[in-house]
C-alpha atoms as a PDB file:
ATOM      1  CA  UNK A   1    -118.854 150.426  14.647  1.00  0.00           C
ATOM      2  CA  UNK A   2    -120.079 147.106  15.392  1.00  0.00           C
ATOM      3  CA  UNK A   3    -118.396 143.978  14.271  1.00  0.00           C
ATOM      4  CA  UNK A   4    -119.963 143.033  10.915  1.00  0.00           C
ATOM      5  CA  UNK A   5    -120.709 139.590  11.881  1.00  0.00           C
ATOM      6  CA  UNK A   6    -122.810 140.361  14.991  1.00  0.00           C
ATOM      7  CA  UNK A   7    -126.040 142.085  14.268  1.00  0.00           C
ATOM      8  CA  UNK A   8    -128.528 139.664  15.872  1.00  0.00           C
ATOM      9  CA  UNK A   9    -128.143 138.790  19.773  1.00  0.00           C
ATOM     10  CA  UNK A  10    -130.091 136.134  21.579  1.00  0.00           C
ATOM     11  CA  UNK A  11    -130.695 137.130  24.820  1.00  0.00           C
ATOM     12  CA  UNK A  12    -131.207 133.836  27.056  1.00  0.00           C
ATOM     13  CA  UNK A  13    -133.221 134.151  30.335  1.00  0.00           C
ATOM     14  CA  UNK A  14    -135.003 137.565  30.747  1.00  0.00           C
ATOM     15  CA  UNK A  15    -135.050 138.301  34.398  1.00  0.00           C
ATOM     16  CA  UNK A  16    -133.444 141.490  35.644  1.00  0.00           C
ATOM     17  CA  UNK A  17    -130.000 141.031  34.031  1.00  0.00           C
ATOM     18  CA  UNK A  18    -131.657 139.712  30.812  1.00  0.00           C
ATOM     19  CA  UNK A  19    -134.005 142.252  30.344  1.00  0.00           C
ATOM     20  CA  UNK A  20    -131.434 144.985  30.982  1.00  0.00           C
ATOM     21  CA  UNK A  21    -129.039 143.424  28.553  1.00  0.00           C
ATOM     22  CA  UNK A  22    -131.739 143.284  26.020  1.00  0.00           C
ATOM     23  CA  UNK A  23    -132.710 146.739  26.265  1.00  0.00           C
ATOM     24  CA  UNK A  24    -129.001 147.772  25.798  1.00  0.00           C
ATOM     25  CA  UNK A  25    -128.634 145.799  22.886  1.00  0.00           C
ATOM     26  CA  UNK A  26    -131.490 147.224  21.279  1.00  0.00           C
ATOM     27  CA  UNK A  27    -130.551 150.686  22.089  1.00  0.00           C
ATOM     28  CA  UNK A  28    -127.204 149.820  20.084  1.00  0.00           C
ATOM     29  CA  UNK A  29    -129.118 149.073  17.092  1.00  0.00           C
ATOM     30  CA  UNK A  30    -128.997 145.551  17.090  1.00  0.00           C
ATOM     31  CA  UNK A  31    -131.846 143.041  16.554  1.00  0.00           C
ATOM     32  CA  UNK A  32    -132.608 140.944  19.848  1.00  0.00           C
ATOM     33  CA  UNK A  33    -134.327 137.488  20.055  1.00  0.00           C
ATOM     34  CA  UNK A  34    -135.140 136.649  23.530  1.00  0.00           C
ATOM     35  CA  UNK A  35    -136.373 133.485  25.288  1.00  0.00           C
ATOM     36  CA  UNK A  36    -137.476 132.606  28.971  1.00  0.00           C
ATOM     37  CA  UNK A  37    -139.568 129.601  29.647  1.00  0.00           C
ATOM     38  CA  UNK A  38    -141.269 131.068  32.824  1.00  0.00           C
ATOM     39  CA  UNK A  39    -144.941 132.260  32.688  1.00  0.00           C
ATOM     40  CA  UNK A  40    -145.323 135.717  31.769  1.00  0.00           C
ATOM     41  CA  UNK A  41    -141.805 136.252  30.974  1.00  0.00           C
ATOM     42  CA  UNK A  42    -142.449 138.028  27.595  1.00  0.00           C
ATOM     43  CA  UNK A  43    -144.730 140.645  29.087  1.00  0.00           C
ATOM     44  CA  UNK A  44    -142.400 141.326  31.704  1.00  0.00           C
ATOM     45  CA  UNK A  45    -139.419 141.720  29.363  1.00  0.00           C
ATOM     46  CA  UNK A  46    -141.466 144.116  27.194  1.00  0.00           C
ATOM     47  CA  UNK A  47    -142.489 146.259  30.367  1.00  0.00           C
ATOM     48  CA  UNK A  48    -138.759 146.338  31.660  1.00  0.00           C
ATOM     49  CA  UNK A  49    -137.519 147.447  28.186  1.00  0.00           C
ATOM     50  CA  UNK A  50    -140.095 150.180  28.016  1.00  0.00           C
ATOM     51  CA  UNK A  51    -139.224 151.199  31.543  1.00  0.00           C
ATOM     52  CA  UNK A  52    -135.468 151.366  30.590  1.00  0.00           C
ATOM     53  CA  UNK A  53    -136.221 153.117  27.324  1.00  0.00           C
ATOM     54  CA  UNK A  54    -136.212 156.906  28.204  1.00  0.00           C
ATOM     55  CA  UNK A  55    -132.998 156.493  30.237  1.00  0.00           C
ATOM     56  CA  UNK A  56    -131.549 155.103  27.038  1.00  0.00           C
ATOM     57  CA  UNK A  57    -132.637 157.645  24.818  1.00  0.00           C
ATOM     58  CA  UNK A  58    -130.971 160.171  27.405  1.00  0.00           C
ATOM     59  CA  UNK A  59    -127.777 158.432  26.987  1.00  0.00           C
ATOM     60  CA  UNK A  60    -128.215 158.171  23.315  1.00  0.00           C
ATOM     61  CA  UNK A  61    -129.445 155.629  20.993  1.00  0.00           C
ATOM     62  CA  UNK A  62    -127.558 154.240  17.957  1.00  0.00           C
ATOM     63  CA  UNK A  63    -128.952 154.696  14.322  1.00  0.00           C
ATOM     64  CA  UNK A  64    -131.686 152.388  13.941  1.00  0.00           C
ATOM     65  CA  UNK A  65    -132.239 151.376  17.675  1.00  0.00           C
ATOM     66  CA  UNK A  66    -135.981 150.395  18.266  1.00  0.00           C
ATOM     67  CA  UNK A  67    -137.887 148.509  20.518  1.00  0.00           C
ATOM     68  CA  UNK A  68    -139.560 146.964  17.347  1.00  0.00           C
ATOM     69  CA  UNK A  69    -136.527 144.894  17.058  1.00  0.00           C
ATOM     70  CA  UNK A  70    -137.307 142.666  19.937  1.00  0.00           C
ATOM     71  CA  UNK A  71    -138.733 139.191  19.250  1.00  0.00           C
ATOM     72  CA  UNK A  72    -139.521 136.810  21.835  1.00  0.00           C
ATOM     73  CA  UNK A  73    -139.537 132.887  21.534  1.00  0.00           C
ATOM     74  CA  UNK A  74    -140.510 130.429  24.459  1.00  0.00           C
ATOM     75  CA  UNK A  75    -138.386 127.792  22.794  1.00  0.00           C
ATOM     76  CA  UNK A  76    -134.693 128.078  23.135  1.00  0.00           C
ATOM     77  CA  UNK A  77    -134.133 126.381  19.666  1.00  0.00           C
ATOM     78  CA  UNK A  78    -136.576 129.108  17.912  1.00  0.00           C
ATOM     79  CA  UNK A  79    -134.555 131.858  19.687  1.00  0.00           C
ATOM     80  CA  UNK A  80    -131.214 130.810  18.675  1.00  0.00           C
ATOM     81  CA  UNK A  81    -131.900 130.721  15.089  1.00  0.00           C
ATOM     82  CA  UNK A  82    -129.780 133.038  13.082  1.00  0.00           C
ATOM     83  CA  UNK A  83    -128.193 134.589  16.235  1.00  0.00           C
ATOM     84  CA  UNK A  84    -124.802 135.728  15.948  1.00  0.00           C
ATOM     85  CA  UNK A  85    -123.929 136.318  19.782  1.00  0.00           C
ATOM     86  CA  UNK A  86    -125.588 134.749  22.872  1.00  0.00           C
ATOM     87  CA  UNK A  87    -125.607 136.568  26.244  1.00  0.00           C
ATOM     88  CA  UNK A  88    -127.082 134.018  28.941  1.00  0.00           C
ATOM     89  CA  UNK A  89    -128.549 135.077  32.034  1.00  0.00           C
ATOM     90  CA  UNK A  90    -129.977 131.875  33.769  1.00  0.00           C
ATOM     91  CA  UNK A  91    -130.184 130.923  37.337  1.00  0.00           C
ATOM     92  CA  UNK A  92    -126.684 130.902  39.084  1.00  0.00           C
ATOM     93  CA  UNK A  93    -126.596 127.164  39.412  1.00  0.00           C
ATOM     94  CA  UNK A  94    -123.805 125.269  37.687  1.00  0.00           C
ATOM     95  CA  UNK A  95    -125.890 122.299  36.845  1.00  0.00           C
ATOM     96  CA  UNK A  96    -128.282 124.514  35.093  1.00  0.00           C
ATOM     97  CA  UNK A  97    -125.777 126.517  33.452  1.00  0.00           C
ATOM     98  CA  UNK A  98    -123.900 123.663  31.978  1.00  0.00           C
ATOM     99  CA  UNK A  99    -126.848 121.922  30.756  1.00  0.00           C
ATOM    100  CA  UNK A 100    -127.955 125.073  29.058  1.00  0.00           C
ATOM    101  CA  UNK A 101    -124.644 125.570  27.299  1.00  0.00           C
ATOM    102  CA  UNK A 102    -124.511 122.159  26.185  1.00  0.00           C
ATOM    103  CA  UNK A 103    -127.806 122.406  24.644  1.00  0.00           C
ATOM    104  CA  UNK A 104    -127.000 125.963  22.921  1.00  0.00           C
ATOM    105  CA  UNK A 105    -123.439 124.594  21.869  1.00  0.00           C
ATOM    106  CA  UNK A 106    -125.544 121.682  19.965  1.00  0.00           C
ATOM    107  CA  UNK A 107    -127.734 124.097  18.292  1.00  0.00           C
ATOM    108  CA  UNK A 108    -125.434 126.897  16.936  1.00  0.00           C
ATOM    109  CA  UNK A 109    -122.717 126.956  14.333  1.00  0.00           C
ATOM    110  CA  UNK A 110    -119.218 127.020  16.323  1.00  0.00           C
ATOM    111  CA  UNK A 111    -118.215 130.504  15.368  1.00  0.00           C
ATOM    112  CA  UNK A 112    -121.077 131.975  17.448  1.00  0.00           C
ATOM    113  CA  UNK A 113    -119.656 133.152  20.885  1.00  0.00           C
ATOM    114  CA  UNK A 114    -121.657 131.795  23.925  1.00  0.00           C
ATOM    115  CA  UNK A 115    -121.362 134.489  26.821  1.00  0.00           C
ATOM    116  CA  UNK A 116    -122.588 134.005  30.274  1.00  0.00           C
ATOM    117  CA  UNK A 117    -123.496 136.747  32.607  1.00  0.00           C
ATOM    118  CA  UNK A 118    -122.674 134.428  35.647  1.00  0.00           C
ATOM    119  CA  UNK A 119    -121.511 136.373  38.768  1.00  0.00           C
ATOM    120  CA  UNK A 120    -119.403 133.641  40.188  1.00  0.00           C
ATOM    121  CA  UNK A 121    -119.222 130.370  38.502  1.00  0.00           C
ATOM    122  CA  UNK A 122    -116.248 129.145  36.648  1.00  0.00           C
ATOM    123  CA  UNK A 123    -116.182 129.468  32.654  1.00  0.00           C
ATOM    124  CA  UNK A 124    -114.345 126.253  32.777  1.00  0.00           C
ATOM    125  CA  UNK A 125    -117.271 124.330  34.640  1.00  0.00           C
ATOM    126  CA  UNK A 126    -119.683 125.847  32.387  1.00  0.00           C
ATOM    127  CA  UNK A 127    -117.990 124.553  29.162  1.00  0.00           C
ATOM    128  CA  UNK A 128    -117.247 121.217  30.301  1.00  0.00           C
ATOM    129  CA  UNK A 129    -120.062 119.660  28.348  1.00  0.00           C
ATOM    130  CA  UNK A 130    -119.690 121.480  25.048  1.00  0.00           C
ATOM    131  CA  UNK A 131    -118.358 120.206  21.746  1.00  0.00           C
ATOM    132  CA  UNK A 132    -116.958 123.609  21.196  1.00  0.00           C
ATOM    133  CA  UNK A 133    -115.911 124.880  24.472  1.00  0.00           C
ATOM    134  CA  UNK A 134    -113.441 127.187  22.839  1.00  0.00           C
ATOM    135  CA  UNK A 135    -116.642 129.682  22.119  1.00  0.00           C
ATOM    136  CA  UNK A 136    -117.691 129.813  25.625  1.00  0.00           C
ATOM    137  CA  UNK A 137    -116.729 132.842  27.723  1.00  0.00           C
ATOM    138  CA  UNK A 138    -117.710 134.823  30.897  1.00  0.00           C
ATOM    139  CA  UNK A 139    -119.473 137.971  30.214  1.00  0.00           C
ATOM    140  CA  UNK A 140    -120.411 139.508  33.498  1.00  0.00           C
ATOM    141  CA  UNK A 141    -122.155 142.704  33.459  1.00  0.00           C
ATOM    142  CA  UNK A 142    -122.373 145.180  36.415  1.00  0.00           C
ATOM    143  CA  UNK A 143    -126.008 145.712  37.365  1.00  0.00           C
ATOM    144  CA  UNK A 144    -127.799 147.425  35.517  1.00  0.00           C
ATOM    145  CA  UNK A 145    -126.490 146.565  32.252  1.00  0.00           C
ATOM    146  CA  UNK A 146    -128.295 149.116  30.223  1.00  0.00           C
ATOM    147  CA  UNK A 147    -126.563 151.625  32.404  1.00  0.00           C
ATOM    148  CA  UNK A 148    -123.124 150.567  33.840  1.00  0.00           C
ATOM    149  CA  UNK A 149    -120.559 150.180  31.153  1.00  0.00           C
ATOM    150  CA  UNK A 150    -118.259 147.698  32.902  1.00  0.00           C
ATOM    151  CA  UNK A 151    -118.130 144.089  31.665  1.00  0.00           C
ATOM    152  CA  UNK A 152    -116.022 141.455  32.855  1.00  0.00           C
ATOM    153  CA  UNK A 153    -114.631 138.878  30.180  1.00  0.00           C
ATOM    154  CA  UNK A 154    -112.804 135.550  31.439  1.00  0.00           C
ATOM    155  CA  UNK A 155    -112.265 132.602  29.584  1.00  0.00           C
ATOM    156  CA  UNK A 156    -111.976 128.921  30.603  1.00  0.00           C
ATOM    157  CA  UNK A 157    -109.202 126.647  30.435  1.00  0.00           C
ATOM    158  CA  UNK A 158    -110.505 125.735  26.630  1.00  0.00           C
ATOM    159  CA  UNK A 159    -111.652 129.125  25.674  1.00  0.00           C
ATOM    160  CA  UNK A 160    -109.694 130.488  22.418  1.00  0.00           C
ATOM    161  CA  UNK A 161    -107.774 133.516  22.434  1.00  0.00           C
ATOM    162  CA  UNK A 162    -109.873 134.207  19.497  1.00  0.00           C
ATOM    163  CA  UNK A 163    -113.047 134.322  21.413  1.00  0.00           C
ATOM    164  CA  UNK A 164    -111.975 136.584  24.085  1.00  0.00           C
ATOM    165  CA  UNK A 165    -110.559 138.959  21.311  1.00  0.00           C
ATOM    166  CA  UNK A 166    -113.881 138.912  19.389  1.00  0.00           C
ATOM    167  CA  UNK A 167    -115.877 139.354  22.711  1.00  0.00           C
ATOM    168  CA  UNK A 168    -113.669 142.264  23.987  1.00  0.00           C
ATOM    169  CA  UNK A 169    -114.257 143.948  20.570  1.00  0.00           C
ATOM    170  CA  UNK A 170    -118.084 143.433  20.542  1.00  0.00           C
ATOM    171  CA  UNK A 171    -118.483 144.766  24.054  1.00  0.00           C
ATOM    172  CA  UNK A 172    -116.433 147.902  23.344  1.00  0.00           C
ATOM    173  CA  UNK A 173    -118.413 148.439  20.164  1.00  0.00           C
ATOM    174  CA  UNK A 174    -121.998 148.596  22.058  1.00  0.00           C
ATOM    175  CA  UNK A 175    -120.620 151.244  24.585  1.00  0.00           C
ATOM    176  CA  UNK A 176    -119.263 148.923  27.057  1.00  0.00           C
ATOM    177  CA  UNK A 177    -115.875 148.946  29.021  1.00  0.00           C
ATOM    178  CA  UNK A 178    -114.882 145.391  29.149  1.00  0.00           C
ATOM    179  CA  UNK A 179    -111.866 144.242  31.028  1.00  0.00           C
ATOM    180  CA  UNK A 180    -110.261 140.876  30.399  1.00  0.00           C
ATOM    181  CA  UNK A 181    -109.497 138.866  33.770  1.00  0.00           C
ATOM    182  CA  UNK A 182    -106.528 136.764  32.906  1.00  0.00           C
ATOM    183  CA  UNK A 183    -107.450 134.058  35.477  1.00  0.00           C
ATOM    184  CA  UNK A 184    -110.527 132.500  36.764  1.00  0.00           C
ATOM    185  CA  UNK A 185    -111.136 133.473  40.401  1.00  0.00           C
ATOM    186  CA  UNK A 186    -114.275 133.084  42.588  1.00  0.00           C
ATOM    187  CA  UNK A 187    -116.492 136.102  42.334  1.00  0.00           C
ATOM    188  CA  UNK A 188    -114.377 137.555  39.293  1.00  0.00           C
ATOM    189  CA  UNK A 189    -112.753 141.000  39.921  1.00  0.00           C
ATOM    190  CA  UNK A 190    -115.229 143.806  40.636  1.00  0.00           C
ATOM    191  CA  UNK A 191    -117.414 141.791  43.168  1.00  0.00           C
ATOM    192  CA  UNK A 192    -114.354 140.696  45.118  1.00  0.00           C
ATOM    193  CA  UNK A 193    -113.186 144.511  45.240  1.00  0.00           C
ATOM    194  CA  UNK A 194    -116.746 145.220  46.534  1.00  0.00           C
ATOM    195  CA  UNK A 195    -116.467 142.175  48.998  1.00  0.00           C
ATOM    196  CA  UNK A 196    -113.148 143.606  50.546  1.00  0.00           C
ATOM    197  CA  UNK A 197    -115.039 146.878  51.106  1.00  0.00           C
ATOM    198  CA  UNK A 198    -118.129 145.130  52.529  1.00  0.00           C
ATOM    199  CA  UNK A 199    -116.353 143.173  55.099  1.00  0.00           C
ATOM    200  CA  UNK A 200    -114.801 146.038  56.603  1.00  0.00           C
ATOM    201  CA  UNK A 201    -117.948 148.064  56.562  1.00  0.00           C
ATOM    202  CA  UNK A 202    -119.775 145.390  58.255  1.00  0.00           C
ATOM    203  CA  UNK A 203    -117.123 144.897  60.682  1.00  0.00           C
ATOM    204  CA  UNK A 204    -117.175 148.767  61.398  1.00  0.00           C
ATOM    205  CA  UNK A 205    -120.753 148.280  62.321  1.00  0.00           C
ATOM    206  CA  UNK A 206    -120.121 145.116  64.394  1.00  0.00           C
ATOM    207  CA  UNK A 207    -117.804 147.025  66.626  1.00  0.00           C
ATOM    208  CA  UNK A 208    -119.672 149.850  67.371  1.00  0.00           C
ATOM    209  CA  UNK A 209    -117.157 152.191  65.447  1.00  0.00           C
ATOM    210  CA  UNK A 210    -119.793 153.528  62.902  1.00  0.00           C
ATOM    211  CA  UNK A 211    -123.533 153.208  61.924  1.00  0.00           C
ATOM    212  CA  UNK A 212    -124.831 152.146  58.516  1.00  0.00           C
ATOM    213  CA  UNK A 213    -125.625 155.640  57.778  1.00  0.00           C
ATOM    214  CA  UNK A 214    -122.329 157.037  58.811  1.00  0.00           C
ATOM    215  CA  UNK A 215    -120.422 154.376  56.434  1.00  0.00           C
ATOM    216  CA  UNK A 216    -122.803 155.226  53.414  1.00  0.00           C
ATOM    217  CA  UNK A 217    -121.968 158.728  53.861  1.00  0.00           C
ATOM    218  CA  UNK A 218    -118.136 158.195  54.224  1.00  0.00           C
ATOM    219  CA  UNK A 219    -118.055 156.370  50.773  1.00  0.00           C
ATOM    220  CA  UNK A 220    -120.585 158.333  49.099  1.00  0.00           C
ATOM    221  CA  UNK A 221    -119.284 161.914  50.023  1.00  0.00           C
ATOM    222  CA  UNK A 222    -115.703 160.843  50.430  1.00  0.00           C
ATOM    223  CA  UNK A 223    -113.791 158.247  48.250  1.00  0.00           C
ATOM    224  CA  UNK A 224    -116.576 157.032  46.432  1.00  0.00           C
ATOM    225  CA  UNK A 225    -116.724 160.471  44.525  1.00  0.00           C
ATOM    226  CA  UNK A 226    -113.063 159.830  43.355  1.00  0.00           C
ATOM    227  CA  UNK A 227    -113.715 156.440  42.764  1.00  0.00           C
ATOM    228  CA  UNK A 228    -116.105 157.432  40.270  1.00  0.00           C
ATOM    229  CA  UNK A 229    -113.576 159.252  38.153  1.00  0.00           C
ATOM    230  CA  UNK A 230    -110.660 156.775  38.269  1.00  0.00           C
ATOM    231  CA  UNK A 231    -109.736 153.700  40.319  1.00  0.00           C
ATOM    232  CA  UNK A 232    -107.824 152.942  43.516  1.00  0.00           C
ATOM    233  CA  UNK A 233    -104.392 153.061  41.800  1.00  0.00           C
ATOM    234  CA  UNK A 234    -104.534 156.297  39.820  1.00  0.00           C
ATOM    235  CA  UNK A 235    -106.108 157.759  43.232  1.00  0.00           C
ATOM    236  CA  UNK A 236    -102.919 156.802  44.995  1.00  0.00           C
ATOM    237  CA  UNK A 237    -100.873 158.084  42.301  1.00  0.00           C
ATOM    238  CA  UNK A 238    -102.563 161.443  42.624  1.00  0.00           C
ATOM    239  CA  UNK A 239    -102.016 161.615  46.365  1.00  0.00           C
ATOM    240  CA  UNK A 240     -98.425 161.536  45.776  1.00  0.00           C
ATOM    241  CA  UNK A 241     -98.220 164.864  43.909  1.00  0.00           C
ATOM    242  CA  UNK A 242     -95.101 165.009  41.582  1.00  0.00           C
ATOM    243  CA  UNK A 243     -93.845 162.050  43.233  1.00  0.00           C
ATOM    244  CA  UNK A 244     -96.937 160.190  42.129  1.00  0.00           C
ATOM    245  CA  UNK A 245     -97.691 156.603  43.245  1.00  0.00           C
ATOM    246  CA  UNK A 246     -93.962 155.642  44.017  1.00  0.00           C
ATOM    247  CA  UNK A 247     -93.647 158.502  46.747  1.00  0.00           C
ATOM    248  CA  UNK A 248     -96.990 157.197  48.507  1.00  0.00           C
ATOM    249  CA  UNK A 249     -95.786 153.864  48.545  1.00  0.00           C
ATOM    250  CA  UNK A 250     -92.441 154.805  49.835  1.00  0.00           C
ATOM    251  CA  UNK A 251     -93.883 156.724  52.502  1.00  0.00           C
ATOM    252  CA  UNK A 252     -97.247 155.134  53.277  1.00  0.00           C
ATOM    253  CA  UNK A 253     -96.588 151.842  52.386  1.00  0.00           C
ATOM    254  CA  UNK A 254     -95.935 150.815  56.099  1.00  0.00           C
ATOM    255  CA  UNK A 255     -99.170 152.533  57.448  1.00  0.00           C
ATOM    256  CA  UNK A 256    -101.089 151.053  54.698  1.00  0.00           C
ATOM    257  CA  UNK A 257     -99.700 147.565  55.664  1.00  0.00           C
ATOM    258  CA  UNK A 258    -100.656 148.179  59.290  1.00  0.00           C
ATOM    259  CA  UNK A 259    -104.246 149.002  58.295  1.00  0.00           C
ATOM    260  CA  UNK A 260    -104.540 145.835  56.101  1.00  0.00           C
ATOM    261  CA  UNK A 261    -103.337 143.828  59.307  1.00  0.00           C
ATOM    262  CA  UNK A 262    -106.225 145.426  61.549  1.00  0.00           C
ATOM    263  CA  UNK A 263    -109.109 144.985  59.227  1.00  0.00           C
ATOM    264  CA  UNK A 264    -111.930 143.037  60.285  1.00  0.00           C
ATOM    265  CA  UNK A 265    -113.178 139.493  59.496  1.00  0.00           C
ATOM    266  CA  UNK A 266    -117.013 139.674  60.558  1.00  0.00           C
ATOM    267  CA  UNK A 267    -119.419 136.945  60.445  1.00  0.00           C
ATOM    268  CA  UNK A 268    -122.959 137.562  59.544  1.00  0.00           C
ATOM    269  CA  UNK A 269    -124.692 136.611  62.702  1.00  0.00           C
ATOM    270  CA  UNK A 270    -128.363 136.933  63.320  1.00  0.00           C
ATOM    271  CA  UNK A 271    -127.549 139.658  65.553  1.00  0.00           C
ATOM    272  CA  UNK A 272    -125.459 141.725  63.078  1.00  0.00           C
ATOM    273  CA  UNK A 273    -127.665 141.092  59.923  1.00  0.00           C
ATOM    274  CA  UNK A 274    -130.649 142.789  62.243  1.00  0.00           C
ATOM    275  CA  UNK A 275    -128.370 145.722  62.856  1.00  0.00           C
ATOM    276  CA  UNK A 276    -127.733 146.209  59.458  1.00  0.00           C
ATOM    277  CA  UNK A 277    -131.291 146.011  58.399  1.00  0.00           C
ATOM    278  CA  UNK A 278    -132.451 148.338  61.121  1.00  0.00           C
ATOM    279  CA  UNK A 279    -129.442 151.005  59.989  1.00  0.00           C
ATOM    280  CA  UNK A 280    -130.725 150.672  56.366  1.00  0.00           C
ATOM    281  CA  UNK A 281    -134.268 151.190  57.571  1.00  0.00           C
ATOM    282  CA  UNK A 282    -133.020 154.174  59.753  1.00  0.00           C
ATOM    283  CA  UNK A 283    -131.192 155.564  56.773  1.00  0.00           C
ATOM    284  CA  UNK A 284    -134.043 155.533  54.557  1.00  0.00           C
ATOM    285  CA  UNK A 285    -136.072 157.349  57.044  1.00  0.00           C
ATOM    286  CA  UNK A 286    -139.335 156.611  55.159  1.00  0.00           C
ATOM    287  CA  UNK A 287    -138.253 157.574  51.923  1.00  0.00           C
ATOM    288  CA  UNK A 288    -139.467 155.443  48.944  1.00  0.00           C
ATOM    289  CA  UNK A 289    -136.842 153.159  47.541  1.00  0.00           C
ATOM    290  CA  UNK A 290    -138.281 153.853  43.978  1.00  0.00           C
ATOM    291  CA  UNK A 291    -137.576 157.575  44.490  1.00  0.00           C
ATOM    292  CA  UNK A 292    -134.063 156.869  45.316  1.00  0.00           C
ATOM    293  CA  UNK A 293    -133.259 154.900  42.782  1.00  0.00           C
ATOM    294  CA  UNK A 294    -134.523 157.226  40.149  1.00  0.00           C
ATOM    295  CA  UNK A 295    -132.358 159.871  41.673  1.00  0.00           C
ATOM    296  CA  UNK A 296    -129.424 157.662  41.397  1.00  0.00           C
ATOM    297  CA  UNK A 297    -129.985 157.048  38.080  1.00  0.00           C
ATOM    298  CA  UNK A 298    -130.264 160.427  37.212  1.00  0.00           C
ATOM    299  CA  UNK A 299    -126.861 160.981  38.814  1.00  0.00           C
ATOM    300  CA  UNK A 300    -125.270 158.152  36.926  1.00  0.00           C
ATOM    301  CA  UNK A 301    -126.443 159.305  33.702  1.00  0.00           C
ATOM    302  CA  UNK A 302    -124.784 162.758  34.418  1.00  0.00           C
ATOM    303  CA  UNK A 303    -121.743 161.183  35.561  1.00  0.00           C
ATOM    304  CA  UNK A 304    -121.725 158.989  32.486  1.00  0.00           C
ATOM    305  CA  UNK A 305    -122.147 161.563  30.026  1.00  0.00           C
ATOM    306  CA  UNK A 306    -119.831 164.111  32.186  1.00  0.00           C
ATOM    307  CA  UNK A 307    -116.886 161.486  32.296  1.00  0.00           C
ATOM    308  CA  UNK A 308    -117.010 160.733  28.553  1.00  0.00           C
ATOM    309  CA  UNK A 309    -116.666 164.450  27.851  1.00  0.00           C
ATOM    310  CA  UNK A 310    -114.074 165.386  30.454  1.00  0.00           C
ATOM    311  CA  UNK A 311    -111.946 162.342  31.292  1.00  0.00           C
ATOM    312  CA  UNK A 312    -109.157 161.449  28.809  1.00  0.00           C
ATOM    313  CA  UNK A 313    -109.496 158.478  27.115  1.00  0.00           C
ATOM    314  CA  UNK A 314    -113.285 158.020  27.497  1.00  0.00           C
END
């Protein structure tokens, strides 16, 4: 059930991430007021919501969910009127975000949470110009937010514990799986984990160990299937049989450390970039990206539903 104080969400900036957030909030039975100053923003938003809606219907709509509960204002002040929660999705530039949060902070009562979808900026820096920095928090989704449950919640130096608690409760209530990052760090949590894998993937291509398609196959039909069920630590625990993760670390800790020492540190040279691009083109082999995206979403919907039914704690 939604926290009773949060019924209307303001979505500030409605690009790919903002539009996806708006669709998700609507599907959860909330009122959404969106704002974006760019030309044609309202029509693009409504088109995106309409495109996402069949997927959300298949995942299951909350009582009262409707695209008719979407309102749009070009002016920021109008859009924030009566908002109980703000999800900001503006350009990934500190000067733009800091100014935007300063303006929003001045317009809204201090109990309204201001959350940023920033993928890499510091919450401390974003909240620096606010009179009520305690209500500013990171609410970083994984793309696309209307489909992927993960949200990273990270406070800045002046964010209050109460804001973290309320933000975690809100995202949980609307079907998200929030995690609380205890410290600010560049790239947050999930993107750093991705970056570690990307680094070695690029290194293996650079060294001629494997093709782009080989690496995608290795993950998609190997550990990626297990990672879709549970994370790296639980997978290690399963690998240890009755002895669990303690057994794995006792017996494989040394070899794992040796692998760490041998991991590469590639540089994105023009030659490596060209090799990766060509590798992806070869892997696609003329298949339409839109068709592959649709197939990916079908599998994700099935996986999300199946995991909710079969996996403990979902």
